[in-house]
């Protein structure tokens, strides 16, 4: 016969785990939302949503989500999205991957706009944000909560790029940036963090931030880059973190 004390401890662990899951689910349900974007607005922004007409696009992003979850063992992670060349579609891919994770009612997503010279996040916000990523990185008095905004998409939050700076390398290569990514991931175990970066050939941002993320995917604009450029992009983010290529026909 099994030890009764061990059995009670085992039951206690199961109950405790179930309570934690329910508490996390309740917190997700309580997430305050701004006025949600309509299907027409989501279509205009080229963001996927349940019931959209272009089912093949929706299913592609769901499939990418599934493969990333399989790779992570269903655990949350930080993912950087960059393109092999300028205007390759990284922002389109990053926001839609974030939207795909947020579709699951058990999960939340955070989109971080790290493209300081061509920011995307502000296009989704109803007003100009007071603070963003660069403001947080240079001002130690700001808290993480000061730079996170509702997106108009359920369970999806946004950190905008912040005030434009001549160079992003010093900001992204700071201890404060490293602490930010780690704290965001550890604070919410149901949250998947998607970083939208400039192209790998546009500067050092992708090389730097790849070191802070669990995984990296590269967007390949179909028919516009060479095999050599793709291989150079993979080397730039590091083969140990490289999770795959996403071909963009847009």
C-alpha atoms as a PDB file:
ATOM      1  CA  UNK A   1       0.000   0.000   0.000  1.00  0.00           C
ATOM      2  CA  UNK A   2       1.187   3.541  -0.789  1.00  0.00           C
ATOM      3  CA  UNK A   3       2.227   5.989   1.893  1.00  0.00           C
ATOM      4  CA  UNK A   4      -0.862   7.998   2.915  1.00  0.00           C
ATOM      5  CA  UNK A   5       1.190  11.109   3.673  1.00  0.00           C
ATOM      6  CA  UNK A   6       2.789  11.022   0.215  1.00  0.00           C
ATOM      7  CA  UNK A   7      -0.640  10.569  -1.363  1.00  0.00           C
ATOM      8  CA  UNK A   8      -1.993  13.599   0.484  1.00  0.00           C
ATOM      9  CA  UNK A   9       0.997  15.674  -0.607  1.00  0.00           C
ATOM     10  CA  UNK A  10       0.463  14.576  -4.195  1.00  0.00           C
ATOM     11  CA  UNK A  11      -3.208  15.559  -4.071  1.00  0.00           C
ATOM     12  CA  UNK A  12      -2.226  18.873  -2.533  1.00  0.00           C
ATOM     13  CA  UNK A  13       0.168  19.604  -5.382  1.00  0.00           C
ATOM     14  CA  UNK A  14      -2.500  18.787  -7.972  1.00  0.00           C
ATOM     15  CA  UNK A  15      -5.060  20.994  -6.224  1.00  0.00           C
ATOM     16  CA  UNK A  16      -2.533  23.792  -5.896  1.00  0.00           C
ATOM     17  CA  UNK A  17      -1.652  23.595  -9.586  1.00  0.00           C
ATOM     18  CA  UNK A  18      -5.329  23.655 -10.552  1.00  0.00           C
ATOM     19  CA  UNK A  19      -5.910  26.685  -8.350  1.00  0.00           C
ATOM     20  CA  UNK A  20      -2.961  28.503  -9.940  1.00  0.00           C
ATOM     21  CA  UNK A  21      -4.316  27.752 -13.421  1.00  0.00           C
ATOM     22  CA  UNK A  22      -7.762  29.021 -12.475  1.00  0.00           C
ATOM     23  CA  UNK A  23      -6.307  32.140 -10.884  1.00  0.00           C
ATOM     24  CA  UNK A  24      -4.294  32.847 -14.035  1.00  0.00           C
ATOM     25  CA  UNK A  25      -7.396  32.310 -16.192  1.00  0.00           C
ATOM     26  CA  UNK A  26      -9.388  34.691 -13.981  1.00  0.00           C
ATOM     27  CA  UNK A  27      -6.682  37.352 -14.301  1.00  0.00           C
ATOM     28  CA  UNK A  28      -6.779  37.017 -18.085  1.00  0.00           C
ATOM     29  CA  UNK A  29     -10.565  37.462 -18.075  1.00  0.00           C
ATOM     30  CA  UNK A  30     -10.211  40.619 -15.963  1.00  0.00           C
ATOM     31  CA  UNK A  31      -7.741  42.279 -18.345  1.00  0.00           C
ATOM     32  CA  UNK A  32      -9.106  45.727 -19.074  1.00  0.00           C
ATOM     33  CA  UNK A  33      -9.707  46.362 -22.749  1.00  0.00           C
ATOM     34  CA  UNK A  34     -10.066  49.563 -24.730  1.00  0.00           C
ATOM     35  CA  UNK A  35     -12.676  49.745 -27.438  1.00  0.00           C
ATOM     36  CA  UNK A  36     -12.029  46.630 -29.485  1.00  0.00           C
ATOM     37  CA  UNK A  37     -11.065  46.923 -33.124  1.00  0.00           C
ATOM     38  CA  UNK A  38     -13.807  45.913 -35.531  1.00  0.00           C
ATOM     39  CA  UNK A  39     -13.297  43.193 -38.163  1.00  0.00           C
ATOM     40  CA  UNK A  40     -13.126  45.958 -40.771  1.00  0.00           C
ATOM     41  CA  UNK A  41     -10.375  47.727 -38.834  1.00  0.00           C
ATOM     42  CA  UNK A  42      -8.452  44.504 -38.327  1.00  0.00           C
ATOM     43  CA  UNK A  43      -8.694  43.787 -42.052  1.00  0.00           C
ATOM     44  CA  UNK A  44      -7.432  47.288 -42.802  1.00  0.00           C
ATOM     45  CA  UNK A  45      -4.438  46.700 -40.524  1.00  0.00           C
ATOM     46  CA  UNK A  46      -3.924  43.219 -42.042  1.00  0.00           C
ATOM     47  CA  UNK A  47      -4.328  41.496 -38.673  1.00  0.00           C
ATOM     48  CA  UNK A  48      -5.841  38.039 -38.389  1.00  0.00           C
ATOM     49  CA  UNK A  49      -9.011  37.375 -36.388  1.00  0.00           C
ATOM     50  CA  UNK A  50     -11.447  34.461 -35.927  1.00  0.00           C
ATOM     51  CA  UNK A  51     -13.944  34.209 -38.770  1.00  0.00           C
ATOM     52  CA  UNK A  52     -11.935  36.256 -41.255  1.00  0.00           C
ATOM     53  CA  UNK A  53     -12.497  35.616 -44.936  1.00  0.00           C
ATOM     54  CA  UNK A  54      -8.874  34.707 -45.717  1.00  0.00           C
ATOM     55  CA  UNK A  55      -8.903  31.426 -43.850  1.00  0.00           C
ATOM     56  CA  UNK A  56      -5.597  30.283 -45.342  1.00  0.00           C
ATOM     57  CA  UNK A  57      -3.756  33.249 -43.773  1.00  0.00           C
ATOM     58  CA  UNK A  58      -5.400  32.605 -40.398  1.00  0.00           C
ATOM     59  CA  UNK A  59      -4.522  28.917 -40.540  1.00  0.00           C
ATOM     60  CA  UNK A  60      -0.901  29.637 -41.495  1.00  0.00           C
ATOM     61  CA  UNK A  61      -0.338  31.755 -38.391  1.00  0.00           C
ATOM     62  CA  UNK A  62      -2.090  29.190 -36.222  1.00  0.00           C
ATOM     63  CA  UNK A  63       0.214  26.520 -37.636  1.00  0.00           C
ATOM     64  CA  UNK A  64       3.304  28.630 -36.904  1.00  0.00           C
ATOM     65  CA  UNK A  65       1.994  29.139 -33.347  1.00  0.00           C
ATOM     66  CA  UNK A  66       1.566  25.387 -32.937  1.00  0.00           C
ATOM     67  CA  UNK A  67       5.106  24.645 -34.124  1.00  0.00           C
ATOM     68  CA  UNK A  68       6.598  27.230 -31.779  1.00  0.00           C
ATOM     69  CA  UNK A  69       4.647  25.797 -28.842  1.00  0.00           C
ATOM     70  CA  UNK A  70       5.869  22.316 -29.700  1.00  0.00           C
ATOM     71  CA  UNK A  71       9.432  23.587 -29.737  1.00  0.00           C
ATOM     72  CA  UNK A  72       9.017  25.283 -26.336  1.00  0.00           C
ATOM     73  CA  UNK A  73       7.228  22.360 -24.710  1.00  0.00           C
ATOM     74  CA  UNK A  74       4.081  24.507 -24.357  1.00  0.00           C
ATOM     75  CA  UNK A  75       5.956  26.982 -22.116  1.00  0.00           C
ATOM     76  CA  UNK A  76       5.900  30.716 -22.676  1.00  0.00           C
ATOM     77  CA  UNK A  77       8.845  32.287 -24.472  1.00  0.00           C
ATOM     78  CA  UNK A  78      10.275  35.444 -25.982  1.00  0.00           C
ATOM     79  CA  UNK A  79      10.518  35.512 -29.773  1.00  0.00           C
ATOM     80  CA  UNK A  80      12.236  38.022 -31.996  1.00  0.00           C
ATOM     81  CA  UNK A  81      10.942  38.567 -35.522  1.00  0.00           C
ATOM     82  CA  UNK A  82      13.200  40.168 -38.094  1.00  0.00           C
ATOM     83  CA  UNK A  83      13.380  40.147 -41.870  1.00  0.00           C
ATOM     84  CA  UNK A  84      16.226  39.232 -44.159  1.00  0.00           C
ATOM     85  CA  UNK A  85      15.964  42.558 -45.983  1.00  0.00           C
ATOM     86  CA  UNK A  86      14.425  45.980 -45.428  1.00  0.00           C
ATOM     87  CA  UNK A  87      10.634  46.114 -45.893  1.00  0.00           C
ATOM     88  CA  UNK A  88      10.516  42.336 -45.757  1.00  0.00           C
ATOM     89  CA  UNK A  89       7.323  42.094 -43.684  1.00  0.00           C
ATOM     90  CA  UNK A  90       8.616  41.628 -40.125  1.00  0.00           C
ATOM     91  CA  UNK A  91       6.000  43.926 -38.554  1.00  0.00           C
ATOM     92  CA  UNK A  92       3.155  42.197 -40.397  1.00  0.00           C
ATOM     93  CA  UNK A  93       4.438  38.826 -39.226  1.00  0.00           C
ATOM     94  CA  UNK A  94       5.176  39.881 -35.637  1.00  0.00           C
ATOM     95  CA  UNK A  95       1.798  41.471 -34.918  1.00  0.00           C
ATOM     96  CA  UNK A  96      -0.043  38.527 -36.446  1.00  0.00           C
ATOM     97  CA  UNK A  97       1.952  36.007 -34.439  1.00  0.00           C
ATOM     98  CA  UNK A  98       1.052  37.997 -31.323  1.00  0.00           C
ATOM     99  CA  UNK A  99      -2.599  38.010 -32.411  1.00  0.00           C
ATOM    100  CA  UNK A 100      -2.470  34.248 -32.986  1.00  0.00           C
ATOM    101  CA  UNK A 101      -1.266  33.598 -29.430  1.00  0.00           C
ATOM    102  CA  UNK A 102      -3.857  35.995 -28.022  1.00  0.00           C
ATOM    103  CA  UNK A 103      -6.666  34.088 -29.753  1.00  0.00           C
ATOM    104  CA  UNK A 104      -6.192  31.322 -27.203  1.00  0.00           C
ATOM    105  CA  UNK A 105      -8.219  32.339 -24.143  1.00  0.00           C
ATOM    106  CA  UNK A 106      -5.678  30.599 -21.903  1.00  0.00           C
ATOM    107  CA  UNK A 107      -2.834  32.809 -23.126  1.00  0.00           C
ATOM    108  CA  UNK A 108      -1.891  36.454 -23.531  1.00  0.00           C
ATOM    109  CA  UNK A 109       0.574  38.094 -25.876  1.00  0.00           C
ATOM    110  CA  UNK A 110       2.790  41.156 -25.700  1.00  0.00           C
ATOM    111  CA  UNK A 111       4.020  42.859 -28.867  1.00  0.00           C
ATOM    112  CA  UNK A 112       7.149  44.972 -28.360  1.00  0.00           C
ATOM    113  CA  UNK A 113       7.981  47.442 -31.122  1.00  0.00           C
ATOM    114  CA  UNK A 114      11.769  47.535 -31.358  1.00  0.00           C
ATOM    115  CA  UNK A 115      11.881  49.167 -34.776  1.00  0.00           C
ATOM    116  CA  UNK A 116      12.663  52.735 -33.763  1.00  0.00           C
ATOM    117  CA  UNK A 117      13.007  54.098 -37.295  1.00  0.00           C
ATOM    118  CA  UNK A 118       9.835  52.551 -38.716  1.00  0.00           C
ATOM    119  CA  UNK A 119       7.527  51.929 -35.717  1.00  0.00           C
ATOM    120  CA  UNK A 120       4.304  50.008 -36.187  1.00  0.00           C
ATOM    121  CA  UNK A 121       2.634  49.879 -32.769  1.00  0.00           C
ATOM    122  CA  UNK A 122       1.344  53.456 -32.776  1.00  0.00           C
ATOM    123  CA  UNK A 123      -0.834  52.629 -35.794  1.00  0.00           C
ATOM    124  CA  UNK A 124      -3.003  50.475 -33.508  1.00  0.00           C
ATOM    125  CA  UNK A 125      -3.268  52.874 -30.585  1.00  0.00           C
ATOM    126  CA  UNK A 126      -6.149  55.387 -30.439  1.00  0.00           C
ATOM    127  CA  UNK A 127      -3.807  58.194 -29.303  1.00  0.00           C
ATOM    128  CA  UNK A 128      -0.113  58.953 -29.225  1.00  0.00           C
ATOM    129  CA  UNK A 129       1.362  57.030 -26.281  1.00  0.00           C
ATOM    130  CA  UNK A 130       2.977  59.045 -23.530  1.00  0.00           C
ATOM    131  CA  UNK A 131       5.829  56.587 -23.032  1.00  0.00           C
ATOM    132  CA  UNK A 132       7.392  53.730 -24.928  1.00  0.00           C
ATOM    133  CA  UNK A 133      10.364  51.400 -24.966  1.00  0.00           C
ATOM    134  CA  UNK A 134      13.128  53.983 -25.387  1.00  0.00           C
ATOM    135  CA  UNK A 135      11.610  56.195 -22.683  1.00  0.00           C
ATOM    136  CA  UNK A 136      11.635  53.262 -20.263  1.00  0.00           C
ATOM    137  CA  UNK A 137      15.204  52.283 -21.102  1.00  0.00           C
ATOM    138  CA  UNK A 138      16.577  55.777 -20.480  1.00  0.00           C
ATOM    139  CA  UNK A 139      14.397  56.708 -17.491  1.00  0.00           C
ATOM    140  CA  UNK A 140      14.815  54.454 -14.427  1.00  0.00           C
ATOM    141  CA  UNK A 141      11.835  56.140 -12.744  1.00  0.00           C
ATOM    142  CA  UNK A 142       9.419  54.585 -15.234  1.00  0.00           C
ATOM    143  CA  UNK A 143       7.824  51.249 -14.387  1.00  0.00           C
ATOM    144  CA  UNK A 144       6.926  48.483 -16.815  1.00  0.00           C
ATOM    145  CA  UNK A 145       3.228  49.284 -16.352  1.00  0.00           C
ATOM    146  CA  UNK A 146       3.885  52.802 -17.697  1.00  0.00           C
ATOM    147  CA  UNK A 147       4.700  51.534 -21.189  1.00  0.00           C
ATOM    148  CA  UNK A 148       2.169  48.712 -21.716  1.00  0.00           C
ATOM    149  CA  UNK A 149      -1.008  49.609 -23.627  1.00  0.00           C
ATOM    150  CA  UNK A 150      -4.168  47.792 -24.626  1.00  0.00           C
ATOM    151  CA  UNK A 151      -4.222  47.079 -28.350  1.00  0.00           C
ATOM    152  CA  UNK A 152      -7.909  46.813 -29.166  1.00  0.00           C
ATOM    153  CA  UNK A 153      -7.403  43.060 -29.567  1.00  0.00           C
ATOM    154  CA  UNK A 154      -8.452  40.809 -26.669  1.00  0.00           C
ATOM    155  CA  UNK A 155      -5.547  39.579 -24.523  1.00  0.00           C
ATOM    156  CA  UNK A 156      -2.965  41.383 -26.663  1.00  0.00           C
ATOM    157  CA  UNK A 157      -0.873  44.180 -25.169  1.00  0.00           C
ATOM    158  CA  UNK A 158       1.589  46.536 -26.852  1.00  0.00           C
ATOM    159  CA  UNK A 159       4.801  48.291 -25.887  1.00  0.00           C
ATOM    160  CA  UNK A 160       5.352  51.047 -28.473  1.00  0.00           C
ATOM    161  CA  UNK A 161       8.822  52.049 -29.645  1.00  0.00           C
ATOM    162  CA  UNK A 162       8.849  55.354 -27.774  1.00  0.00           C
ATOM    163  CA  UNK A 163      10.618  58.557 -28.701  1.00  0.00           C
ATOM    164  CA  UNK A 164      12.757  58.258 -31.819  1.00  0.00           C
ATOM    165  CA  UNK A 165      16.491  58.052 -31.227  1.00  0.00           C
ATOM    166  CA  UNK A 166      19.414  58.265 -33.650  1.00  0.00           C
ATOM    167  CA  UNK A 167      20.604  54.820 -32.648  1.00  0.00           C
ATOM    168  CA  UNK A 168      19.025  51.935 -30.815  1.00  0.00           C
ATOM    169  CA  UNK A 169      22.136  49.875 -30.216  1.00  0.00           C
ATOM    170  CA  UNK A 170      23.068  51.455 -26.877  1.00  0.00           C
ATOM    171  CA  UNK A 171      19.501  51.037 -25.573  1.00  0.00           C
ATOM    172  CA  UNK A 172      19.123  47.417 -26.609  1.00  0.00           C
ATOM    173  CA  UNK A 173      22.569  46.499 -25.345  1.00  0.00           C
ATOM    174  CA  UNK A 174      21.791  47.697 -21.816  1.00  0.00           C
ATOM    175  CA  UNK A 175      21.232  45.751 -18.622  1.00  0.00           C
ATOM    176  CA  UNK A 176      17.835  47.446 -18.297  1.00  0.00           C
ATOM    177  CA  UNK A 177      16.704  45.941 -21.611  1.00  0.00           C
ATOM    178  CA  UNK A 178      17.870  42.512 -20.513  1.00  0.00           C
ATOM    179  CA  UNK A 179      16.025  42.879 -17.207  1.00  0.00           C
ATOM    180  CA  UNK A 180      12.875  44.035 -19.017  1.00  0.00           C
ATOM    181  CA  UNK A 181      12.614  40.931 -21.191  1.00  0.00           C
ATOM    182  CA  UNK A 182      13.346  38.622 -18.290  1.00  0.00           C
ATOM    183  CA  UNK A 183      10.832  40.306 -15.957  1.00  0.00           C
ATOM    184  CA  UNK A 184       8.080  40.339 -18.588  1.00  0.00           C
ATOM    185  CA  UNK A 185       8.498  36.634 -19.171  1.00  0.00           C
ATOM    186  CA  UNK A 186       8.740  35.641 -15.512  1.00  0.00           C
ATOM    187  CA  UNK A 187       5.916  37.846 -14.272  1.00  0.00           C
ATOM    188  CA  UNK A 188       3.235  36.291 -16.476  1.00  0.00           C
ATOM    189  CA  UNK A 189       3.762  32.587 -17.283  1.00  0.00           C
ATOM    190  CA  UNK A 190       0.833  32.689 -19.740  1.00  0.00           C
ATOM    191  CA  UNK A 191       2.297  35.580 -21.741  1.00  0.00           C
ATOM    192  CA  UNK A 192       4.161  35.160 -25.026  1.00  0.00           C
ATOM    193  CA  UNK A 193       6.482  38.015 -25.915  1.00  0.00           C
ATOM    194  CA  UNK A 194       6.969  38.980 -29.556  1.00  0.00           C
ATOM    195  CA  UNK A 195       9.665  41.512 -30.475  1.00  0.00           C
ATOM    196  CA  UNK A 196       9.414  43.298 -33.831  1.00  0.00           C
ATOM    197  CA  UNK A 197      12.902  44.183 -35.078  1.00  0.00           C
ATOM    198  CA  UNK A 198      14.433  45.957 -38.058  1.00  0.00           C
ATOM    199  CA  UNK A 199      15.915  43.850 -40.848  1.00  0.00           C
ATOM    200  CA  UNK A 200      19.055  41.909 -39.947  1.00  0.00           C
ATOM    201  CA  UNK A 201      21.025  43.814 -42.600  1.00  0.00           C
ATOM    202  CA  UNK A 202      19.871  47.241 -41.365  1.00  0.00           C
ATOM    203  CA  UNK A 203      22.032  47.400 -38.233  1.00  0.00           C
ATOM    204  CA  UNK A 204      23.139  45.550 -35.123  1.00  0.00           C
ATOM    205  CA  UNK A 205      19.725  45.448 -33.393  1.00  0.00           C
ATOM    206  CA  UNK A 206      18.869  41.901 -34.464  1.00  0.00           C
ATOM    207  CA  UNK A 207      22.238  40.522 -33.373  1.00  0.00           C
ATOM    208  CA  UNK A 208      21.947  42.183 -29.970  1.00  0.00           C
ATOM    209  CA  UNK A 209      18.339  41.326 -29.164  1.00  0.00           C
ATOM    210  CA  UNK A 210      18.707  37.750 -30.384  1.00  0.00           C
ATOM    211  CA  UNK A 211      20.907  37.172 -27.342  1.00  0.00           C
ATOM    212  CA  UNK A 212      18.021  38.167 -25.061  1.00  0.00           C
ATOM    213  CA  UNK A 213      15.307  36.044 -26.694  1.00  0.00           C
ATOM    214  CA  UNK A 214      14.531  32.352 -26.553  1.00  0.00           C
ATOM    215  CA  UNK A 215      13.864  32.031 -30.275  1.00  0.00           C
ATOM    216  CA  UNK A 216      14.227  33.956 -33.512  1.00  0.00           C
ATOM    217  CA  UNK A 217      12.350  33.710 -36.791  1.00  0.00           C
ATOM    218  CA  UNK A 218      13.290  35.423 -40.015  1.00  0.00           C
ATOM    219  CA  UNK A 219      10.848  36.720 -42.589  1.00  0.00           C
ATOM    220  CA  UNK A 220      11.908  36.155 -46.175  1.00  0.00           C
ATOM    221  CA  UNK A 221      10.285  38.411 -48.811  1.00  0.00           C
ATOM    222  CA  UNK A 222       9.540  35.903 -51.535  1.00  0.00           C
ATOM    223  CA  UNK A 223      11.683  36.294 -54.636  1.00  0.00           C
ATOM    224  CA  UNK A 224      13.581  39.341 -53.354  1.00  0.00           C
ATOM    225  CA  UNK A 225      16.599  37.898 -51.562  1.00  0.00           C
ATOM    226  CA  UNK A 226      19.365  35.434 -52.294  1.00  0.00           C
ATOM    227  CA  UNK A 227      20.246  32.228 -50.500  1.00  0.00           C
ATOM    228  CA  UNK A 228      23.399  33.933 -49.267  1.00  0.00           C
ATOM    229  CA  UNK A 229      21.365  36.697 -47.642  1.00  0.00           C
ATOM    230  CA  UNK A 230      19.178  34.132 -45.883  1.00  0.00           C
ATOM    231  CA  UNK A 231      22.201  32.239 -44.546  1.00  0.00           C
ATOM    232  CA  UNK A 232      23.784  35.489 -43.369  1.00  0.00           C
ATOM    233  CA  UNK A 233      20.556  36.348 -41.553  1.00  0.00           C
ATOM    234  CA  UNK A 234      20.535  32.994 -39.772  1.00  0.00           C
ATOM    235  CA  UNK A 235      24.151  33.511 -38.697  1.00  0.00           C
ATOM    236  CA  UNK A 236      23.263  37.005 -37.451  1.00  0.00           C
ATOM    237  CA  UNK A 237      20.587  35.779 -35.028  1.00  0.00           C
ATOM    238  CA  UNK A 238      22.476  32.625 -34.078  1.00  0.00           C
ATOM    239  CA  UNK A 239      21.705  29.099 -35.175  1.00  0.00           C
ATOM    240  CA  UNK A 240      21.030  27.958 -31.599  1.00  0.00           C
ATOM    241  CA  UNK A 241      18.068  30.356 -31.359  1.00  0.00           C
ATOM    242  CA  UNK A 242      16.925  30.175 -34.961  1.00  0.00           C
ATOM    243  CA  UNK A 243      13.415  28.684 -35.098  1.00  0.00           C
ATOM    244  CA  UNK A 244      12.638  28.949 -38.811  1.00  0.00           C
ATOM    245  CA  UNK A 245      11.923  31.006 -41.911  1.00  0.00           C
ATOM    246  CA  UNK A 246       8.566  32.567 -42.762  1.00  0.00           C
ATOM    247  CA  UNK A 247       8.073  33.404 -46.439  1.00  0.00           C
ATOM    248  CA  UNK A 248       6.113  36.582 -47.060  1.00  0.00           C
ATOM    249  CA  UNK A 249       4.273  37.105 -50.339  1.00  0.00           C
ATOM    250  CA  UNK A 250       2.717  40.470 -49.374  1.00  0.00           C
END
